[in-house]
PDB file of all heavy atoms in Angstrom:
ATOM      1  N   VAL A   1       3.965  15.987  -8.270  1.00  0.00           N
ATOM      2  CA  VAL A   1       3.464  15.671  -9.612  1.00  0.00           C
ATOM      3  C   VAL A   1       1.938  15.613  -9.584  1.00  0.00           C
ATOM      4  O   VAL A   1       1.357  14.940  -8.718  1.00  0.00           O
ATOM      5  CB  VAL A   1       4.043  14.300 -10.068  1.00  0.00           C
ATOM      6  CG1 VAL A   1       3.434  13.881 -11.406  1.00  0.00           C
ATOM      7  CG2 VAL A   1       5.557  14.372 -10.144  1.00  0.00           C
ATOM      8  N   LEU A   2       1.312  16.307 -10.533  1.00  0.00           N
ATOM      9  CA  LEU A   2      -0.138  16.263 -10.668  1.00  0.00           C
ATOM     10  C   LEU A   2      -0.527  14.896 -11.206  1.00  0.00           C
ATOM     11  O   LEU A   2       0.002  14.429 -12.227  1.00  0.00           O
ATOM     12  CB  LEU A   2      -0.623  17.344 -11.632  1.00  0.00           C
ATOM     13  CG  LEU A   2      -2.118  17.322 -11.950  1.00  0.00           C
ATOM     14  CD1 LEU A   2      -2.956  17.630 -10.697  1.00  0.00           C
ATOM     15  CD2 LEU A   2      -2.417  18.315 -13.082  1.00  0.00           C
ATOM     16  N   VAL A   3      -1.459  14.229 -10.514  1.00  0.00           N
ATOM     17  CA  VAL A   3      -1.960  12.912 -10.939  1.00  0.00           C
ATOM     18  C   VAL A   3      -3.457  13.027 -11.131  1.00  0.00           C
ATOM     19  O   VAL A   3      -4.185  13.377 -10.195  1.00  0.00           O
ATOM     20  CB  VAL A   3      -1.625  11.826  -9.890  1.00  0.00           C
ATOM     21  CG1 VAL A   3      -2.225  10.489 -10.296  1.00  0.00           C
ATOM     22  CG2 VAL A   3      -0.129  11.719  -9.667  1.00  0.00           C
ATOM     23  N   GLU A   4      -3.896  12.722 -12.350  1.00  0.00           N
ATOM     24  CA  GLU A   4      -5.328  12.734 -12.658  1.00  0.00           C
ATOM     25  C   GLU A   4      -5.873  11.339 -12.407  1.00  0.00           C
ATOM     26  O   GLU A   4      -5.167  10.341 -12.575  1.00  0.00           O
ATOM     27  CB  GLU A   4      -5.529  13.102 -14.130  1.00  0.00           C
ATOM     28  CG  GLU A   4      -5.019  14.476 -14.513  1.00  0.00           C
ATOM     29  CD  GLU A   4      -5.889  15.603 -14.009  1.00  0.00           C
ATOM     30  OE1 GLU A   4      -7.056  15.356 -13.600  1.00  0.00           O
ATOM     31  OE2 GLU A   4      -5.414  16.750 -14.011  1.00  0.00           O
ATOM     32  N   PRO A   5      -7.138  11.229 -12.020  1.00  0.00           N
ATOM     33  CA  PRO A   5      -7.729   9.905 -11.814  1.00  0.00           C
ATOM     34  C   PRO A   5      -7.795   9.146 -13.139  1.00  0.00           C
ATOM     35  O   PRO A   5      -7.994   9.735 -14.193  1.00  0.00           O
ATOM     36  CB  PRO A   5      -9.126  10.204 -11.277  1.00  0.00           C
ATOM     37  CG  PRO A   5      -9.387  11.621 -11.602  1.00  0.00           C
ATOM     38  CD  PRO A   5      -8.076  12.320 -11.776  1.00  0.00           C
ATOM     39  N   LYS A   6      -7.591   7.848 -13.064  1.00  0.00           N
ATOM     40  CA  LYS A   6      -7.637   6.982 -14.232  1.00  0.00           C
ATOM     41  C   LYS A   6      -8.553   5.814 -13.931  1.00  0.00           C
ATOM     42  O   LYS A   6      -8.969   5.591 -12.813  1.00  0.00           O
ATOM     43  CB  LYS A   6      -6.244   6.443 -14.579  1.00  0.00           C
ATOM     44  CG  LYS A   6      -5.215   7.509 -14.900  1.00  0.00           C
ATOM     45  CD  LYS A   6      -5.316   7.973 -16.335  1.00  0.00           C
ATOM     46  CE  LYS A   6      -4.310   9.012 -16.689  1.00  0.00           C
ATOM     47  NZ  LYS A   6      -3.104   8.528 -17.284  1.00  0.00           N
ATOM     48  N   ARG A   7      -8.868   5.045 -14.950  1.00  0.00           N
ATOM     49  CA  ARG A   7      -9.733   3.872 -14.805  1.00  0.00           C
ATOM     50  C   ARG A   7      -9.108   2.841 -13.874  1.00  0.00           C
ATOM     51  O   ARG A   7      -9.800   2.209 -13.078  1.00  0.00           O
ATOM     52  CB  ARG A   7      -9.975   3.257 -16.204  1.00  0.00           C
ATOM     53  CG  ARG A   7     -10.829   2.021 -16.199  1.00  0.00           C
ATOM     54  CD  ARG A   7     -12.281   2.358 -16.047  1.00  0.00           C
ATOM     55  NE  ARG A   7     -13.077   1.172 -16.236  1.00  0.00           N
ATOM     56  CZ  ARG A   7     -13.587   0.444 -15.224  1.00  0.00           C
ATOM     57  NH1 ARG A   7     -13.387   0.797 -13.985  1.00  0.00           N
ATOM     58  NH2 ARG A   7     -14.285  -0.607 -15.476  1.00  0.00           N
ATOM     59  N   VAL A   8      -7.781   2.651 -13.957  1.00  0.00           N
ATOM     60  CA  VAL A   8      -7.060   1.711 -13.118  1.00  0.00           C
ATOM     61  C   VAL A   8      -5.949   2.467 -12.404  1.00  0.00           C
ATOM     62  O   VAL A   8      -5.153   3.150 -13.054  1.00  0.00           O
ATOM     63  CB  VAL A   8      -6.461   0.551 -13.938  1.00  0.00           C
ATOM     64  CG1 VAL A   8      -5.661  -0.393 -13.048  1.00  0.00           C
ATOM     65  CG2 VAL A   8      -7.535  -0.204 -14.694  1.00  0.00           C
ATOM     66  N   VAL A   9      -5.888   2.345 -11.101  1.00  0.00           N
ATOM     67  CA  VAL A   9      -4.789   2.903 -10.317  1.00  0.00           C
ATOM     68  C   VAL A   9      -4.072   1.731  -9.667  1.00  0.00           C
ATOM     69  O   VAL A   9      -4.671   0.954  -8.929  1.00  0.00           O
ATOM     70  CB  VAL A   9      -5.272   3.912  -9.241  1.00  0.00           C
ATOM     71  CG1 VAL A   9      -4.113   4.369  -8.364  1.00  0.00           C
ATOM     72  CG2 VAL A   9      -5.960   5.095  -9.895  1.00  0.00           C
ATOM     73  N   ILE A  10      -2.778   1.626  -9.979  1.00  0.00           N
ATOM     74  CA  ILE A  10      -1.945   0.572  -9.396  1.00  0.00           C
ATOM     75  C   ILE A  10      -1.163   1.166  -8.254  1.00  0.00           C
ATOM     76  O   ILE A  10      -0.479   2.180  -8.422  1.00  0.00           O
ATOM     77  CB  ILE A  10      -0.988  -0.048 -10.431  1.00  0.00           C
ATOM     78  CG1 ILE A  10      -1.765  -0.645 -11.602  1.00  0.00           C
ATOM     79  CG2 ILE A  10      -0.078  -1.079  -9.765  1.00  0.00           C
ATOM     80  CD1 ILE A  10      -0.880  -1.077 -12.758  1.00  0.00           C
ATOM     81  N   VAL A  11      -1.267   0.556  -7.094  1.00  0.00           N
ATOM     82  CA  VAL A  11      -0.459   0.935  -5.930  1.00  0.00           C
ATOM     83  C   VAL A  11       0.565  -0.168  -5.762  1.00  0.00           C
ATOM     84  O   VAL A  11       0.217  -1.333  -5.637  1.00  0.00           O
ATOM     85  CB  VAL A  11      -1.321   1.041  -4.639  1.00  0.00           C
ATOM     86  CG1 VAL A  11      -0.472   1.519  -3.491  1.00  0.00           C
ATOM     87  CG2 VAL A  11      -2.516   1.968  -4.867  1.00  0.00           C
ATOM     88  N   GLU A  12       1.864   0.223  -5.829  1.00  0.00           N
ATOM     89  CA  GLU A  12       2.896  -0.812  -5.733  1.00  0.00           C
ATOM     90  C   GLU A  12       3.882  -0.467  -4.639  1.00  0.00           C
ATOM     91  O   GLU A  12       4.149   0.686  -4.370  1.00  0.00           O
ATOM     92  CB  GLU A  12       3.605  -1.014  -7.085  1.00  0.00           C
ATOM     93  CG  GLU A  12       4.531   0.074  -7.518  1.00  0.00           C
ATOM     94  CD  GLU A  12       5.932  -0.026  -6.940  1.00  0.00           C
ATOM     95  OE1 GLU A  12       6.359  -1.119  -6.533  1.00  0.00           O
ATOM     96  OE2 GLU A  12       6.588   1.010  -6.869  1.00  0.00           O
ATOM     97  N   GLY A  13       4.394  -1.523  -3.985  1.00  0.00           N
ATOM     98  CA  GLY A  13       5.401  -1.345  -2.959  1.00  0.00           C
ATOM     99  C   GLY A  13       5.580  -2.559  -2.098  1.00  0.00           C
ATOM    100  O   GLY A  13       4.736  -3.460  -2.085  1.00  0.00           O
ATOM    101  N   ILE A  14       6.663  -2.555  -1.328  1.00  0.00           N
ATOM    102  CA  ILE A  14       6.985  -3.725  -0.521  1.00  0.00           C
ATOM    103  C   ILE A  14       6.026  -3.874   0.684  1.00  0.00           C
ATOM    104  O   ILE A  14       5.827  -4.991   1.163  1.00  0.00           O
ATOM    105  CB  ILE A  14       8.442  -3.750  -0.048  1.00  0.00           C
ATOM    106  CG1 ILE A  14       8.768  -2.563   0.849  1.00  0.00           C
ATOM    107  CG2 ILE A  14       9.385  -3.803  -1.254  1.00  0.00           C
ATOM    108  CD1 ILE A  14      10.140  -2.629   1.508  1.00  0.00           C
ATOM    109  N   LEU A  15       5.461  -2.770   1.166  1.00  0.00           N
ATOM    110  CA  LEU A  15       4.652  -2.811   2.369  1.00  0.00           C
ATOM    111  C   LEU A  15       3.217  -2.343   2.199  1.00  0.00           C
ATOM    112  O   LEU A  15       2.530  -2.033   3.169  1.00  0.00           O
ATOM    113  CB  LEU A  15       5.319  -1.975   3.483  1.00  0.00           C
ATOM    114  CG  LEU A  15       6.640  -2.517   3.989  1.00  0.00           C
ATOM    115  CD1 LEU A  15       7.286  -1.535   4.969  1.00  0.00           C
ATOM    116  CD2 LEU A  15       6.453  -3.868   4.660  1.00  0.00           C
ATOM    117  N   ILE A  16       2.709  -2.344   0.969  1.00  0.00           N
ATOM    118  CA  ILE A  16       1.370  -1.799   0.753  1.00  0.00           C
ATOM    119  C   ILE A  16       0.268  -2.660   1.373  1.00  0.00           C
ATOM    120  O   ILE A  16      -0.814  -2.159   1.628  1.00  0.00           O
ATOM    121  CB  ILE A  16       1.077  -1.557  -0.735  1.00  0.00           C
ATOM    122  CG1 ILE A  16       1.178  -2.848  -1.518  1.00  0.00           C
ATOM    123  CG2 ILE A  16       1.982  -0.474  -1.298  1.00  0.00           C
ATOM    124  CD1 ILE A  16       0.516  -2.787  -2.884  1.00  0.00           C
ATOM    125  N   LEU A  17       0.550  -3.924   1.616  1.00  0.00           N
ATOM    126  CA  LEU A  17      -0.486  -4.772   2.222  1.00  0.00           C
ATOM    127  C   LEU A  17      -0.429  -4.728   3.744  1.00  0.00           C
ATOM    128  O   LEU A  17      -1.304  -5.303   4.397  1.00  0.00           O
ATOM    129  CB  LEU A  17      -0.340  -6.214   1.712  1.00  0.00           C
ATOM    130  CG  LEU A  17      -0.532  -6.391   0.199  1.00  0.00           C
ATOM    131  CD1 LEU A  17      -0.272  -7.855  -0.183  1.00  0.00           C
ATOM    132  CD2 LEU A  17      -1.883  -5.927  -0.236  1.00  0.00           C
ATOM    133  N   GLU A  18       0.544  -4.041   4.304  1.00  0.00           N
ATOM    134  CA  GLU A  18       0.706  -3.960   5.756  1.00  0.00           C
ATOM    135  C   GLU A  18      -0.356  -3.056   6.381  1.00  0.00           C
ATOM    136  O   GLU A  18      -0.828  -3.297   7.480  1.00  0.00           O
ATOM    137  CB  GLU A  18       2.124  -3.450   6.082  1.00  0.00           C
ATOM    138  CG  GLU A  18       2.446  -3.328   7.557  1.00  0.00           C
ATOM    139  CD  GLU A  18       1.997  -2.023   8.179  1.00  0.00           C
ATOM    140  OE1 GLU A  18       1.854  -1.012   7.486  1.00  0.00           O
ATOM    141  OE2 GLU A  18       1.754  -2.035   9.396  1.00  0.00           O
ATOM    142  N   ASP A  19      -0.748  -2.006   5.673  1.00  0.00           N
ATOM    143  CA  ASP A  19      -1.658  -1.013   6.231  1.00  0.00           C
ATOM    144  C   ASP A  19      -3.117  -1.377   5.908  1.00  0.00           C
ATOM    145  O   ASP A  19      -3.480  -1.473   4.735  1.00  0.00           O
ATOM    146  CB  ASP A  19      -1.313   0.377   5.652  1.00  0.00           C
ATOM    147  CG  ASP A  19      -2.143   1.463   6.281  1.00  0.00           C
ATOM    148  OD1 ASP A  19      -1.735   1.965   7.362  1.00  0.00           O
ATOM    149  OD2 ASP A  19      -3.216   1.822   5.717  1.00  0.00           O
ATOM    150  N   LYS A  20      -3.928  -1.548   6.949  1.00  0.00           N
ATOM    151  CA  LYS A  20      -5.320  -1.985   6.764  1.00  0.00           C
ATOM    152  C   LYS A  20      -6.125  -0.991   5.925  1.00  0.00           C
ATOM    153  O   LYS A  20      -6.870  -1.402   5.028  1.00  0.00           O
ATOM    154  CB  LYS A  20      -5.970  -2.209   8.127  1.00  0.00           C
ATOM    155  CG  LYS A  20      -7.395  -2.718   8.009  1.00  0.00           C
ATOM    156  CD  LYS A  20      -8.037  -2.965   9.356  1.00  0.00           C
ATOM    157  CE  LYS A  20      -9.436  -3.543   9.099  1.00  0.00           C
ATOM    158  NZ  LYS A  20     -10.298  -3.380  10.243  1.00  0.00           N
ATOM    159  N   ALA A  21      -6.000   0.285   6.206  1.00  0.00           N
ATOM    160  CA  ALA A  21      -6.784   1.291   5.464  1.00  0.00           C
ATOM    161  C   ALA A  21      -6.423   1.275   3.980  1.00  0.00           C
ATOM    162  O   ALA A  21      -7.311   1.379   3.125  1.00  0.00           O
ATOM    163  CB  ALA A  21      -6.555   2.679   6.049  1.00  0.00           C
ATOM    164  N   LEU A  22      -5.154   1.128   3.671  1.00  0.00           N
ATOM    165  CA  LEU A  22      -4.731   1.063   2.269  1.00  0.00           C
ATOM    166  C   LEU A  22      -5.210  -0.226   1.614  1.00  0.00           C
ATOM    167  O   LEU A  22      -5.742  -0.225   0.495  1.00  0.00           O
ATOM    168  CB  LEU A  22      -3.206   1.175   2.187  1.00  0.00           C
ATOM    169  CG  LEU A  22      -2.570   1.231   0.808  1.00  0.00           C
ATOM    170  CD1 LEU A  22      -3.158   2.370  -0.023  1.00  0.00           C
ATOM    171  CD2 LEU A  22      -1.068   1.350   0.922  1.00  0.00           C
ATOM    172  N   ARG A  23      -5.064  -1.333   2.321  1.00  0.00           N
ATOM    173  CA  ARG A  23      -5.513  -2.649   1.828  1.00  0.00           C
ATOM    174  C   ARG A  23      -7.004  -2.621   1.479  1.00  0.00           C
ATOM    175  O   ARG A  23      -7.439  -3.160   0.464  1.00  0.00           O
ATOM    176  CB  ARG A  23      -5.255  -3.691   2.920  1.00  0.00           C
ATOM    177  CG  ARG A  23      -4.729  -4.984   2.460  1.00  0.00           C
ATOM    178  CD  ARG A  23      -4.350  -5.950   3.559  1.00  0.00           C
ATOM    179  NE  ARG A  23      -5.060  -5.885   4.820  1.00  0.00           N
ATOM    180  CZ  ARG A  23      -4.497  -5.493   5.967  1.00  0.00           C
ATOM    181  NH1 ARG A  23      -3.257  -5.129   6.028  1.00  0.00           N
ATOM    182  NH2 ARG A  23      -5.211  -5.488   7.075  1.00  0.00           N
ATOM    183  N   GLU A  24      -7.792  -1.985   2.337  1.00  0.00           N
ATOM    184  CA  GLU A  24      -9.253  -1.956   2.147  1.00  0.00           C
ATOM    185  C   GLU A  24      -9.663  -1.135   0.919  1.00  0.00           C
ATOM    186  O   GLU A  24     -10.757  -1.309   0.415  1.00  0.00           O
ATOM    187  CB  GLU A  24      -9.947  -1.438   3.391  1.00  0.00           C
ATOM    188  CG  GLU A  24      -9.895  -2.449   4.521  1.00  0.00           C
ATOM    189  CD  GLU A  24     -10.520  -1.962   5.818  1.00  0.00           C
ATOM    190  OE1 GLU A  24     -10.748  -0.729   5.974  1.00  0.00           O
ATOM    191  OE2 GLU A  24     -10.773  -2.813   6.686  1.00  0.00           O
ATOM    192  N   LEU A  25      -8.812  -0.250   0.437  1.00  0.00           N
ATOM    193  CA  LEU A  25      -9.104   0.516  -0.767  1.00  0.00           C
ATOM    194  C   LEU A  25      -8.885  -0.297  -2.041  1.00  0.00           C
ATOM    195  O   LEU A  25      -9.388   0.067  -3.116  1.00  0.00           O
ATOM    196  CB  LEU A  25      -8.243   1.779  -0.822  1.00  0.00           C
ATOM    197  CG  LEU A  25      -8.585   2.880   0.157  1.00  0.00           C
ATOM    198  CD1 LEU A  25      -7.504   3.949   0.156  1.00  0.00           C
ATOM    199  CD2 LEU A  25      -9.945   3.477  -0.159  1.00  0.00           C
ATOM    200  N   MET A  26      -8.146  -1.389  -1.933  1.00  0.00           N
ATOM    201  CA  MET A  26      -7.781  -2.190  -3.121  1.00  0.00           C
ATOM    202  C   MET A  26      -8.879  -3.157  -3.519  1.00  0.00           C
ATOM    203  O   MET A  26      -9.416  -3.874  -2.705  1.00  0.00           O
ATOM    204  CB  MET A  26      -6.510  -2.986  -2.818  1.00  0.00           C
ATOM    205  CG  MET A  26      -5.319  -2.137  -2.537  1.00  0.00           C
ATOM    206  SD  MET A  26      -3.915  -3.131  -2.015  1.00  0.00           S
ATOM    207  CE  MET A  26      -2.854  -1.887  -1.306  1.00  0.00           C
ATOM    208  N   ASP A  27      -9.165  -3.158  -4.815  1.00  0.00           N
ATOM    209  CA  ASP A  27     -10.136  -4.092  -5.378  1.00  0.00           C
ATOM    210  C   ASP A  27      -9.458  -5.427  -5.713  1.00  0.00           C
ATOM    211  O   ASP A  27     -10.080  -6.481  -5.638  1.00  0.00           O
ATOM    212  CB  ASP A  27     -10.767  -3.502  -6.642  1.00  0.00           C
ATOM    213  CG  ASP A  27     -11.504  -2.204  -6.334  1.00  0.00           C
ATOM    214  OD1 ASP A  27     -12.508  -2.253  -5.608  1.00  0.00           O
ATOM    215  OD2 ASP A  27     -11.030  -1.157  -6.804  1.00  0.00           O
ATOM    216  N   ILE A  28      -8.193  -5.344  -6.092  1.00  0.00           N
ATOM    217  CA  ILE A  28      -7.401  -6.540  -6.445  1.00  0.00           C
ATOM    218  C   ILE A  28      -6.047  -6.414  -5.738  1.00  0.00           C
ATOM    219  O   ILE A  28      -5.450  -5.359  -5.746  1.00  0.00           O
ATOM    220  CB  ILE A  28      -7.175  -6.622  -7.976  1.00  0.00           C
ATOM    221  CG1 ILE A  28      -8.530  -6.718  -8.704  1.00  0.00           C
ATOM    222  CG2 ILE A  28      -6.283  -7.799  -8.337  1.00  0.00           C
ATOM    223  CD1 ILE A  28      -8.425  -6.529 -10.217  1.00  0.00           C
ATOM    224  N   LYS A  29      -5.595  -7.530  -5.157  1.00  0.00           N
ATOM    225  CA  LYS A  29      -4.307  -7.557  -4.476  1.00  0.00           C
ATOM    226  C   LYS A  29      -3.456  -8.660  -5.103  1.00  0.00           C
ATOM    227  O   LYS A  29      -3.875  -9.801  -5.210  1.00  0.00           O
ATOM    228  CB  LYS A  29      -4.484  -7.824  -2.988  1.00  0.00           C
ATOM    229  CG  LYS A  29      -5.297  -6.769  -2.270  1.00  0.00           C
ATOM    230  CD  LYS A  29      -5.687  -7.242  -0.877  1.00  0.00           C
ATOM    231  CE  LYS A  29      -6.788  -6.433  -0.294  1.00  0.00           C
ATOM    232  NZ  LYS A  29      -8.115  -6.753  -0.779  1.00  0.00           N
ATOM    233  N   ILE A  30      -2.224  -8.292  -5.492  1.00  0.00           N
ATOM    234  CA  ILE A  30      -1.293  -9.224  -6.106  1.00  0.00           C
ATOM    235  C   ILE A  30      -0.015  -9.233  -5.251  1.00  0.00           C
ATOM    236  O   ILE A  30       0.502  -8.162  -4.943  1.00  0.00           O
ATOM    237  CB  ILE A  30      -0.937  -8.811  -7.559  1.00  0.00           C
ATOM    238  CG1 ILE A  30      -2.204  -8.762  -8.410  1.00  0.00           C
ATOM    239  CG2 ILE A  30       0.127  -9.741  -8.144  1.00  0.00           C
ATOM    240  CD1 ILE A  30      -1.991  -8.104  -9.766  1.00  0.00           C
TER     241      ILE A  30
END
């Protein structure tokens, strides 16, 4: 699926906070 950049990108999942590189890209963590 083609995904265009948006003002807000939400990354969701059960293990998204496990990976340091992914975590460091996040401005807000819930």
